[in-house]
Amino acid sequence: MDTILLEQGGIDYAHGVERFLGDSALYEEVLAEFLKEDALDRAQAAYDSHDLDALFAVVHEVKGSSGNTDMHDLYLASAELADLLRPRAVRTPQDADVTRLFDAFADAYRRAVAAIRAASEDKGA
């Protein structure tokens, strides 16, 4: 995988491989599996339907998977949105904070996916 492309997408390849005990093939396999997830679609559906509990569940899930795979930017965006949603205060997705953080989360998610795809394609070149 092209580690520069991953870094540009907010993914710390070296630390990720380290977390996987030096097994770069396994780490790359896990990153590739991330491309098959539908978490952003599920988050968008929850956001659109104003279901903050479902949105929190998806964002919390992504926070865990991105943290475990050193997708640093996505982890930070997930953590910030999850922290805002955690108290389940009287907020709605129209709330400027939720909207701003959801947009940052979605952007970080898309950038991570694009980086993994690009890095994977580069590997085959």
N, C-alpha and C. Protein backbone atom coordinates (compact mmCIF):
# COMPACT_ATOMS: atom_id res chain seq x y z
N MET A 1 0.85 -1.19 0.00
CA MET A 1 0.00 0.00 0.00
C MET A 1 0.88 1.24 0.00
N ASP A 2 0.41 2.24 -0.65
CA ASP A 2 1.12 3.51 -0.69
C ASP A 2 0.87 4.26 0.62
N THR A 3 1.87 4.27 1.47
CA THR A 3 1.70 4.85 2.80
C THR A 3 1.51 6.36 2.74
N ILE A 4 2.04 7.00 1.73
CA ILE A 4 1.86 8.45 1.60
C ILE A 4 0.39 8.77 1.35
N LEU A 5 -0.26 7.99 0.50
CA LEU A 5 -1.69 8.20 0.25
C LEU A 5 -2.50 7.96 1.52
N LEU A 6 -2.13 6.96 2.29
CA LEU A 6 -2.82 6.70 3.55
C LEU A 6 -2.63 7.86 4.51
N GLU A 7 -1.41 8.34 4.63
CA GLU A 7 -1.14 9.48 5.52
C GLU A 7 -1.97 10.70 5.12
N GLN A 8 -2.10 10.93 3.82
CA GLN A 8 -2.89 12.06 3.33
C GLN A 8 -4.36 11.91 3.71
N GLY A 9 -4.80 10.69 3.90
CA GLY A 9 -6.17 10.43 4.32
C GLY A 9 -6.34 10.34 5.82
N GLY A 10 -5.29 10.68 6.56
CA GLY A 10 -5.37 10.69 8.02
C GLY A 10 -5.13 9.34 8.67
N ILE A 11 -4.43 8.44 7.97
CA ILE A 11 -4.18 7.10 8.49
C ILE A 11 -2.70 6.93 8.76
N ASP A 12 -2.36 6.56 9.97
CA ASP A 12 -0.97 6.37 10.38
C ASP A 12 -0.58 4.91 10.14
N TYR A 13 -0.07 4.64 8.95
CA TYR A 13 0.26 3.27 8.54
C TYR A 13 1.28 2.64 9.48
N ALA A 14 2.37 3.34 9.74
CA ALA A 14 3.44 2.76 10.56
C ALA A 14 2.94 2.37 11.94
N HIS A 15 2.17 3.25 12.56
CA HIS A 15 1.66 2.94 13.90
C HIS A 15 0.60 1.84 13.83
N GLY A 16 -0.18 1.84 12.74
CA GLY A 16 -1.18 0.79 12.56
C GLY A 16 -0.54 -0.58 12.46
N VAL A 17 0.50 -0.68 11.66
CA VAL A 17 1.22 -1.95 11.52
C VAL A 17 1.82 -2.36 12.87
N GLU A 18 2.34 -1.39 13.57
CA GLU A 18 2.90 -1.64 14.90
C GLU A 18 1.82 -2.21 15.82
N ARG A 19 0.63 -1.63 15.76
CA ARG A 19 -0.49 -2.08 16.60
C ARG A 19 -0.88 -3.53 16.25
N PHE A 20 -0.65 -3.91 14.98
CA PHE A 20 -0.94 -5.27 14.53
C PHE A 20 0.32 -6.15 14.63
N LEU A 21 1.17 -5.81 15.56
CA LEU A 21 2.37 -6.59 15.89
C LEU A 21 3.28 -6.81 14.69
N GLY A 22 3.35 -5.78 13.84
CA GLY A 22 4.25 -5.83 12.69
C GLY A 22 3.71 -6.58 11.49
N ASP A 23 2.49 -7.06 11.57
CA ASP A 23 1.90 -7.84 10.47
C ASP A 23 1.23 -6.89 9.48
N SER A 24 2.02 -6.40 8.52
CA SER A 24 1.49 -5.42 7.56
C SER A 24 0.40 -6.02 6.68
N ALA A 25 0.52 -7.29 6.33
CA ALA A 25 -0.51 -7.93 5.50
C ALA A 25 -1.85 -7.96 6.22
N LEU A 26 -1.85 -8.28 7.50
CA LEU A 26 -3.08 -8.31 8.28
C LEU A 26 -3.66 -6.90 8.41
N TYR A 27 -2.81 -5.94 8.69
CA TYR A 27 -3.27 -4.55 8.81
C TYR A 27 -3.91 -4.08 7.51
N GLU A 28 -3.27 -4.36 6.40
CA GLU A 28 -3.81 -3.96 5.10
C GLU A 28 -5.12 -4.68 4.80
N GLU A 29 -5.23 -5.91 5.24
CA GLU A 29 -6.48 -6.66 5.07
C GLU A 29 -7.61 -6.02 5.87
N VAL A 30 -7.30 -5.61 7.08
CA VAL A 30 -8.31 -4.96 7.92
C VAL A 30 -8.72 -3.62 7.30
N LEU A 31 -7.76 -2.86 6.79
CA LEU A 31 -8.10 -1.61 6.11
C LEU A 31 -9.00 -1.88 4.91
N ALA A 32 -8.69 -2.90 4.14
CA ALA A 32 -9.50 -3.25 2.97
C ALA A 32 -10.92 -3.64 3.39
N GLU A 33 -11.05 -4.33 4.50
CA GLU A 33 -12.37 -4.71 4.99
C GLU A 33 -13.20 -3.47 5.36
N PHE A 34 -12.52 -2.42 5.79
CA PHE A 34 -13.22 -1.19 6.15
C PHE A 34 -13.99 -0.63 4.95
N LEU A 35 -13.48 -0.88 3.76
CA LEU A 35 -14.15 -0.40 2.54
C LEU A 35 -15.51 -1.06 2.34
N LYS A 36 -15.71 -2.21 2.94
CA LYS A 36 -16.97 -2.94 2.78
C LYS A 36 -18.04 -2.51 3.78
N GLU A 37 -17.65 -1.71 4.75
CA GLU A 37 -18.59 -1.28 5.78
C GLU A 37 -19.55 -0.23 5.23
N ASP A 38 -20.73 -0.19 5.81
CA ASP A 38 -21.73 0.78 5.40
C ASP A 38 -22.01 1.80 6.50
N ALA A 39 -21.05 2.02 7.35
CA ALA A 39 -21.26 2.88 8.52
C ALA A 39 -21.66 4.30 8.14
N LEU A 40 -21.06 4.85 7.11
CA LEU A 40 -21.42 6.22 6.73
C LEU A 40 -22.87 6.27 6.25
N ASP A 41 -23.29 5.28 5.49
CA ASP A 41 -24.69 5.23 5.04
C ASP A 41 -25.64 5.13 6.24
N ARG A 42 -25.29 4.29 7.20
CA ARG A 42 -26.13 4.13 8.39
C ARG A 42 -26.15 5.42 9.22
N ALA A 43 -24.99 6.08 9.32
CA ALA A 43 -24.92 7.34 10.07
C ALA A 43 -25.74 8.41 9.37
N GLN A 44 -25.64 8.46 8.06
CA GLN A 44 -26.41 9.46 7.30
C GLN A 44 -27.90 9.23 7.47
N ALA A 45 -28.32 7.98 7.42
CA ALA A 45 -29.74 7.66 7.59
C ALA A 45 -30.23 8.07 8.98
N ALA A 46 -29.43 7.79 9.99
CA ALA A 46 -29.80 8.17 11.36
C ALA A 46 -29.84 9.69 11.50
N TYR A 47 -28.88 10.35 10.93
CA TYR A 47 -28.83 11.82 10.97
C TYR A 47 -30.07 12.40 10.27
N ASP A 48 -30.35 11.89 9.08
CA ASP A 48 -31.48 12.40 8.31
C ASP A 48 -32.82 12.18 9.01
N SER A 49 -32.93 11.08 9.75
CA SER A 49 -34.19 10.78 10.45
C SER A 49 -34.21 11.33 11.88
N HIS A 50 -33.18 12.07 12.23
CA HIS A 50 -33.08 12.70 13.57
C HIS A 50 -33.04 11.68 14.70
N ASP A 51 -32.49 10.49 14.41
CA ASP A 51 -32.39 9.43 15.41
C ASP A 51 -31.00 9.51 16.05
N LEU A 52 -30.92 10.33 17.10
CA LEU A 52 -29.62 10.57 17.73
C LEU A 52 -29.06 9.33 18.41
N ASP A 53 -29.93 8.46 18.90
CA ASP A 53 -29.44 7.22 19.52
C ASP A 53 -28.76 6.33 18.47
N ALA A 54 -29.39 6.19 17.32
CA ALA A 54 -28.80 5.37 16.25
C ALA A 54 -27.53 6.04 15.72
N LEU A 55 -27.56 7.35 15.60
CA LEU A 55 -26.37 8.07 15.13
C LEU A 55 -25.22 7.86 16.11
N PHE A 56 -25.49 7.99 17.39
CA PHE A 56 -24.46 7.76 18.40
C PHE A 56 -23.89 6.35 18.27
N ALA A 57 -24.76 5.35 18.10
CA ALA A 57 -24.30 3.96 18.00
C ALA A 57 -23.34 3.77 16.84
N VAL A 58 -23.68 4.31 15.68
CA VAL A 58 -22.82 4.16 14.51
C VAL A 58 -21.51 4.90 14.71
N VAL A 59 -21.60 6.13 15.18
CA VAL A 59 -20.39 6.94 15.37
C VAL A 59 -19.48 6.31 16.41
N HIS A 60 -20.06 5.76 17.45
CA HIS A 60 -19.26 5.09 18.49
C HIS A 60 -18.57 3.85 17.92
N GLU A 61 -19.27 3.13 17.06
CA GLU A 61 -18.69 1.96 16.39
C GLU A 61 -17.49 2.38 15.52
N VAL A 62 -17.67 3.44 14.76
CA VAL A 62 -16.60 3.93 13.89
C VAL A 62 -15.44 4.47 14.73
N LYS A 63 -15.76 5.08 15.84
CA LYS A 63 -14.70 5.56 16.75
C LYS A 63 -13.81 4.39 17.16
N GLY A 64 -14.42 3.28 17.51
CA GLY A 64 -13.65 2.10 17.92
C GLY A 64 -12.81 1.52 16.80
N SER A 65 -13.44 1.32 15.64
CA SER A 65 -12.69 0.71 14.54
C SER A 65 -11.60 1.64 14.01
N SER A 66 -11.87 2.92 13.96
CA SER A 66 -10.85 3.86 13.47
C SER A 66 -9.72 4.01 14.47
N GLY A 67 -10.04 3.95 15.75
CA GLY A 67 -8.99 4.02 16.76
C GLY A 67 -8.10 2.80 16.74
N ASN A 68 -8.70 1.64 16.53
CA ASN A 68 -7.93 0.39 16.50
C ASN A 68 -7.07 0.25 15.25
N THR A 69 -7.37 1.01 14.21
CA THR A 69 -6.62 0.90 12.96
C THR A 69 -5.83 2.17 12.65
N ASP A 70 -5.74 3.06 13.60
CA ASP A 70 -4.96 4.29 13.47
C ASP A 70 -5.41 5.17 12.30
N MET A 71 -6.72 5.21 12.10
CA MET A 71 -7.29 6.20 11.18
C MET A 71 -7.52 7.45 12.02
N HIS A 72 -6.43 8.16 12.22
CA HIS A 72 -6.37 9.24 13.20
C HIS A 72 -7.43 10.31 12.99
N ASP A 73 -7.55 10.84 11.79
CA ASP A 73 -8.51 11.92 11.53
C ASP A 73 -9.94 11.46 11.76
N LEU A 74 -10.26 10.26 11.29
CA LEU A 74 -11.60 9.72 11.47
C LEU A 74 -11.87 9.45 12.94
N TYR A 75 -10.88 8.95 13.65
CA TYR A 75 -11.04 8.71 15.08
C TYR A 75 -11.36 10.02 15.81
N LEU A 76 -10.60 11.06 15.52
CA LEU A 76 -10.83 12.34 16.21
C LEU A 76 -12.22 12.90 15.90
N ALA A 77 -12.62 12.83 14.63
CA ALA A 77 -13.94 13.33 14.26
C ALA A 77 -15.04 12.49 14.91
N SER A 78 -14.85 11.19 14.97
CA SER A 78 -15.83 10.29 15.60
C SER A 78 -15.92 10.56 17.10
N ALA A 79 -14.78 10.72 17.72
CA ALA A 79 -14.75 10.95 19.17
C ALA A 79 -15.45 12.25 19.53
N GLU A 80 -15.21 13.29 18.75
CA GLU A 80 -15.82 14.58 19.05
C GLU A 80 -17.35 14.52 18.89
N LEU A 81 -17.80 13.88 17.81
CA LEU A 81 -19.25 13.76 17.61
C LEU A 81 -19.86 12.83 18.65
N ALA A 82 -19.21 11.74 18.96
CA ALA A 82 -19.73 10.81 19.98
C ALA A 82 -19.83 11.50 21.33
N ASP A 83 -18.83 12.29 21.67
CA ASP A 83 -18.88 13.01 22.95
C ASP A 83 -20.05 13.98 23.00
N LEU A 84 -20.34 14.62 21.89
CA LEU A 84 -21.47 15.54 21.85
C LEU A 84 -22.79 14.79 21.97
N LEU A 85 -22.89 13.63 21.33
CA LEU A 85 -24.13 12.87 21.33
C LEU A 85 -24.32 12.04 22.60
N ARG A 86 -23.23 11.74 23.28
CA ARG A 86 -23.29 10.83 24.43
C ARG A 86 -24.33 11.25 25.48
N PRO A 87 -24.38 12.50 25.87
CA PRO A 87 -25.36 12.85 26.91
C PRO A 87 -26.81 12.81 26.41
N ARG A 88 -26.98 12.71 25.11
CA ARG A 88 -28.31 12.70 24.51
C ARG A 88 -29.14 13.86 25.05
N ALA A 89 -28.51 15.02 25.10
CA ALA A 89 -29.19 16.23 25.56
C ALA A 89 -30.29 16.59 24.57
N VAL A 90 -30.99 17.64 24.87
CA VAL A 90 -32.07 18.07 24.00
C VAL A 90 -31.46 18.76 22.78
N ARG A 91 -30.95 17.96 21.88
CA ARG A 91 -30.34 18.45 20.65
C ARG A 91 -31.01 17.74 19.49
N THR A 92 -31.04 18.41 18.39
CA THR A 92 -31.55 17.79 17.18
C THR A 92 -30.48 17.96 16.11
N PRO A 93 -30.53 17.15 15.06
CA PRO A 93 -29.53 17.28 14.00
C PRO A 93 -29.48 18.66 13.36
N GLN A 94 -30.49 19.49 13.56
CA GLN A 94 -30.42 20.84 13.05
C GLN A 94 -29.52 21.72 13.92
N ASP A 95 -29.23 21.28 15.10
CA ASP A 95 -28.35 22.01 15.99
C ASP A 95 -27.02 22.22 15.29
N ALA A 96 -26.53 23.43 15.29
CA ALA A 96 -25.31 23.79 14.55
C ALA A 96 -24.12 22.93 14.95
N ASP A 97 -23.99 22.61 16.23
CA ASP A 97 -22.86 21.78 16.67
C ASP A 97 -22.94 20.37 16.11
N VAL A 98 -24.12 19.78 16.16
CA VAL A 98 -24.29 18.42 15.63
C VAL A 98 -24.03 18.42 14.13
N THR A 99 -24.59 19.40 13.44
CA THR A 99 -24.40 19.47 11.99
C THR A 99 -22.93 19.65 11.64
N ARG A 100 -22.26 20.55 12.31
CA ARG A 100 -20.84 20.80 12.03
C ARG A 100 -20.01 19.56 12.30
N LEU A 101 -20.25 18.90 13.40
CA LEU A 101 -19.47 17.71 13.75
C LEU A 101 -19.83 16.52 12.87
N PHE A 102 -21.11 16.41 12.49
CA PHE A 102 -21.48 15.33 11.58
C PHE A 102 -20.79 15.54 10.23
N ASP A 103 -20.78 16.76 9.75
CA ASP A 103 -20.13 17.04 8.47
C ASP A 103 -18.63 16.72 8.54
N ALA A 104 -17.99 17.04 9.66
CA ALA A 104 -16.56 16.74 9.82
C ALA A 104 -16.35 15.23 9.87
N PHE A 105 -17.24 14.52 10.55
CA PHE A 105 -17.17 13.06 10.62
C PHE A 105 -17.32 12.46 9.22
N ALA A 106 -18.32 12.90 8.48
CA ALA A 106 -18.56 12.37 7.13
C ALA A 106 -17.38 12.67 6.22
N ASP A 107 -16.81 13.85 6.34
CA ASP A 107 -15.65 14.21 5.51
C ASP A 107 -14.45 13.32 5.85
N ALA A 108 -14.18 13.14 7.13
CA ALA A 108 -13.05 12.29 7.54
C ALA A 108 -13.27 10.85 7.09
N TYR A 109 -14.50 10.37 7.17
CA TYR A 109 -14.83 9.01 6.74
C TYR A 109 -14.54 8.86 5.24
N ARG A 110 -15.05 9.81 4.46
CA ARG A 110 -14.84 9.76 3.00
C ARG A 110 -13.36 9.84 2.64
N ARG A 111 -12.62 10.68 3.35
CA ARG A 111 -11.18 10.81 3.07
C ARG A 111 -10.44 9.52 3.40
N ALA A 112 -10.80 8.87 4.49
CA ALA A 112 -10.16 7.61 4.86
C ALA A 112 -10.47 6.54 3.81
N VAL A 113 -11.72 6.45 3.39
CA VAL A 113 -12.10 5.46 2.38
C VAL A 113 -11.36 5.74 1.07
N ALA A 114 -11.32 6.99 0.66
CA ALA A 114 -10.64 7.35 -0.59
C ALA A 114 -9.16 7.01 -0.50
N ALA A 115 -8.54 7.26 0.65
CA ALA A 115 -7.12 6.97 0.82
C ALA A 115 -6.85 5.47 0.76
N ILE A 116 -7.69 4.69 1.42
CA ILE A 116 -7.50 3.23 1.39
C ILE A 116 -7.67 2.71 -0.03
N ARG A 117 -8.70 3.19 -0.72
CA ARG A 117 -8.90 2.76 -2.11
C ARG A 117 -7.70 3.12 -2.97
N ALA A 118 -7.26 4.36 -2.89
CA ALA A 118 -6.13 4.82 -3.71
C ALA A 118 -4.86 4.04 -3.38
N ALA A 119 -4.62 3.85 -2.09
CA ALA A 119 -3.42 3.11 -1.67
C ALA A 119 -3.48 1.66 -2.10
N SER A 120 -4.66 1.08 -2.09
CA SER A 120 -4.84 -0.31 -2.52
C SER A 120 -4.64 -0.44 -4.02
N GLU A 121 -5.18 0.50 -4.78
CA GLU A 121 -5.01 0.48 -6.23
C GLU A 121 -3.54 0.66 -6.60
N ASP A 122 -2.86 1.52 -5.87
CA ASP A 122 -1.45 1.76 -6.13
C ASP A 122 -0.62 0.51 -5.89
N LYS A 123 -1.05 -0.30 -4.92
CA LYS A 123 -0.32 -1.54 -4.61
C LYS A 123 -0.33 -2.49 -5.79
N GLY A 124 -1.45 -2.49 -6.51
CA GLY A 124 -1.57 -3.39 -7.65
C GLY A 124 -0.85 -2.88 -8.89
N ALA A 125 -0.40 -1.63 -8.87
CA ALA A 125 0.26 -1.05 -10.05
C ALA A 125 1.67 -1.50 -10.21
